[in-house]
Structures are given as C-alpha cells and as structure tokens.
Amino acid sequence: MNRLVVIKIKDLLERNNLSLRELSRLTDIRHATLSELANHKRQNINFQHIEKIADALNITDIREIIDLVHKKD
C-alpha cells in the first residue's frame, strides 16, 4: 500500500487553539481515542467521530479533517 489515511487532529487543534481535552469535551469523544487518532496509532475511525469533530468545529469540508498521503518508506 502506497497511501495512508491521516486524521489531521493536530492541525485542527492548532488552527482552533484547542487542547485534546477541550476537543474531547466538545465532541464527547474519549481523550484517549483522540490522542490515538492524533498520533496515527488507530487503524480504524468511527464515522460518528468525524461528524462530531465537524460539528464541534463548524467544518463543512471533510478534507479539513482527513487527508490521503503517500506513505513514507
């Protein structure tokens, strides 16, 4: 596989001046789950999580949350 799906949690936190704890509180997603997503340690993502993040941060374009990048070897 040459591509990797990336959840851009760190970018979102920076752009919105939030901590993981604040995002967790806003979205009702466990802090540990957000941390795993931010550090690319989670292989699966729940679509409801994407929806909750989008709602909490007023995001209308999913590309602000998810990206498809070339995998570094």
C-alpha atoms as a PDB file:
ATOM      1  CA  MET A   1       0.000   0.000   0.000  1.00  0.00           C
ATOM      2  CA  ASN A   2       1.454   3.352  -1.010  1.00  0.00           C
ATOM      3  CA  ARG A   3      -1.104   5.627   0.646  1.00  0.00           C
ATOM      4  CA  LEU A   4      -2.162   6.368   4.168  1.00  0.00           C
ATOM      5  CA  VAL A   5      -5.323   7.989   5.525  1.00  0.00           C
ATOM      6  CA  VAL A   6      -4.401  10.682   8.041  1.00  0.00           C
ATOM      7  CA  ILE A   7      -6.748  12.263  10.561  1.00  0.00           C
ATOM      8  CA  LYS A   8      -5.498  15.825  10.977  1.00  0.00           C
ATOM      9  CA  ILE A   9      -6.284  16.259  14.684  1.00  0.00           C
ATOM     10  CA  LYS A  10      -3.090  18.174  15.462  1.00  0.00           C
ATOM     11  CA  ASP A  11      -3.744  20.661  12.643  1.00  0.00           C
ATOM     12  CA  LEU A  12      -7.303  21.159  13.839  1.00  0.00           C
ATOM     13  CA  LEU A  13      -6.169  21.747  17.416  1.00  0.00           C
ATOM     14  CA  GLU A  14      -3.588  24.290  16.306  1.00  0.00           C
ATOM     15  CA  ARG A  15      -5.939  26.089  13.950  1.00  0.00           C
ATOM     16  CA  ASN A  16      -8.672  26.316  16.592  1.00  0.00           C
ATOM     17  CA  ASN A  17      -6.351  26.967  19.541  1.00  0.00           C
ATOM     18  CA  LEU A  18      -7.665  23.928  21.409  1.00  0.00           C
ATOM     19  CA  SER A  19      -6.193  21.163  23.516  1.00  0.00           C
ATOM     20  CA  LEU A  20      -7.078  17.495  23.102  1.00  0.00           C
ATOM     21  CA  ARG A  21      -9.007  17.698  26.376  1.00  0.00           C
ATOM     22  CA  GLU A  22     -11.078  20.620  25.095  1.00  0.00           C
ATOM     23  CA  LEU A  23     -11.809  18.817  21.827  1.00  0.00           C
ATOM     24  CA  SER A  24     -12.753  15.729  23.811  1.00  0.00           C
ATOM     25  CA  ARG A  25     -15.172  17.762  25.889  1.00  0.00           C
ATOM     26  CA  LEU A  26     -16.676  19.475  22.827  1.00  0.00           C
ATOM     27  CA  THR A  27     -17.144  16.239  20.889  1.00  0.00           C
ATOM     28  CA  ASP A  28     -17.818  13.741  23.682  1.00  0.00           C
ATOM     29  CA  ILE A  29     -15.056  11.552  22.216  1.00  0.00           C
ATOM     30  CA  ARG A  30     -12.690   9.965  24.720  1.00  0.00           C
ATOM     31  CA  HIS A  31      -9.394  11.812  25.152  1.00  0.00           C
ATOM     32  CA  ALA A  32      -7.501   8.543  24.611  1.00  0.00           C
ATOM     33  CA  THR A  33      -9.270   7.978  21.287  1.00  0.00           C
ATOM     34  CA  LEU A  34      -8.432  11.484  20.058  1.00  0.00           C
ATOM     35  CA  SER A  35      -4.841  11.016  21.178  1.00  0.00           C
ATOM     36  CA  GLU A  36      -4.557   7.756  19.231  1.00  0.00           C
ATOM     37  CA  LEU A  37      -6.012   9.456  16.151  1.00  0.00           C
ATOM     38  CA  ALA A  38      -3.662  12.430  16.520  1.00  0.00           C
ATOM     39  CA  ASN A  39      -0.638  10.133  16.799  1.00  0.00           C
ATOM     40  CA  HIS A  40      -1.741   7.795  13.984  1.00  0.00           C
ATOM     41  CA  LYS A  41      -1.940   4.837  16.367  1.00  0.00           C
ATOM     42  CA  ARG A  42      -5.533   3.929  15.497  1.00  0.00           C
ATOM     43  CA  GLN A  43      -6.227   1.877  12.377  1.00  0.00           C
ATOM     44  CA  ASN A  44      -9.982   2.493  12.275  1.00  0.00           C
ATOM     45  CA  ILE A  45     -12.103   5.574  12.694  1.00  0.00           C
ATOM     46  CA  ASN A  46     -15.741   5.792  13.580  1.00  0.00           C
ATOM     47  CA  PHE A  47     -17.656   7.985  11.123  1.00  0.00           C
ATOM     48  CA  GLN A  48     -19.608   9.399  14.063  1.00  0.00           C
ATOM     49  CA  HIS A  49     -16.313  10.746  15.395  1.00  0.00           C
ATOM     50  CA  ILE A  50     -15.733  12.587  12.120  1.00  0.00           C
ATOM     51  CA  GLU A  51     -19.249  14.013  12.325  1.00  0.00           C
ATOM     52  CA  LYS A  52     -18.793  15.104  15.949  1.00  0.00           C
ATOM     53  CA  ILE A  53     -15.477  16.811  15.165  1.00  0.00           C
ATOM     54  CA  ALA A  54     -17.004  18.557  12.155  1.00  0.00           C
ATOM     55  CA  ASP A  55     -19.990  19.732  14.202  1.00  0.00           C
ATOM     56  CA  ALA A  56     -17.882  20.950  17.118  1.00  0.00           C
ATOM     57  CA  LEU A  57     -15.509  22.918  14.874  1.00  0.00           C
ATOM     58  CA  ASN A  58     -18.061  24.056  12.269  1.00  0.00           C
ATOM     59  CA  ILE A  59     -16.274  22.176   9.491  1.00  0.00           C
ATOM     60  CA  THR A  60     -18.149  21.642   6.228  1.00  0.00           C
ATOM     61  CA  ASP A  61     -15.359  20.087   4.152  1.00  0.00           C
ATOM     62  CA  ILE A  62     -14.225  16.627   5.298  1.00  0.00           C
ATOM     63  CA  ARG A  63     -10.807  17.302   3.752  1.00  0.00           C
ATOM     64  CA  GLU A  64     -10.099  19.592   6.694  1.00  0.00           C
ATOM     65  CA  ILE A  65     -10.256  16.506   8.932  1.00  0.00           C
ATOM     66  CA  ILE A  66      -8.996  13.656   6.733  1.00  0.00           C
ATOM     67  CA  ASP A  67      -6.196  13.517   4.203  1.00  0.00           C
ATOM     68  CA  LEU A  68      -4.776  10.848   1.938  1.00  0.00           C
ATOM     69  CA  VAL A  69      -0.984  10.998   1.788  1.00  0.00           C
ATOM     70  CA  HIS A  70       1.800   8.958   0.253  1.00  0.00           C
ATOM     71  CA  LYS A  71       3.314   6.566   2.742  1.00  0.00           C
ATOM     72  CA  LYS A  72       6.976   7.168   3.570  1.00  0.00           C
ATOM     73  CA  ASP A  73       9.109   4.037   3.372  1.00  0.00           C
END
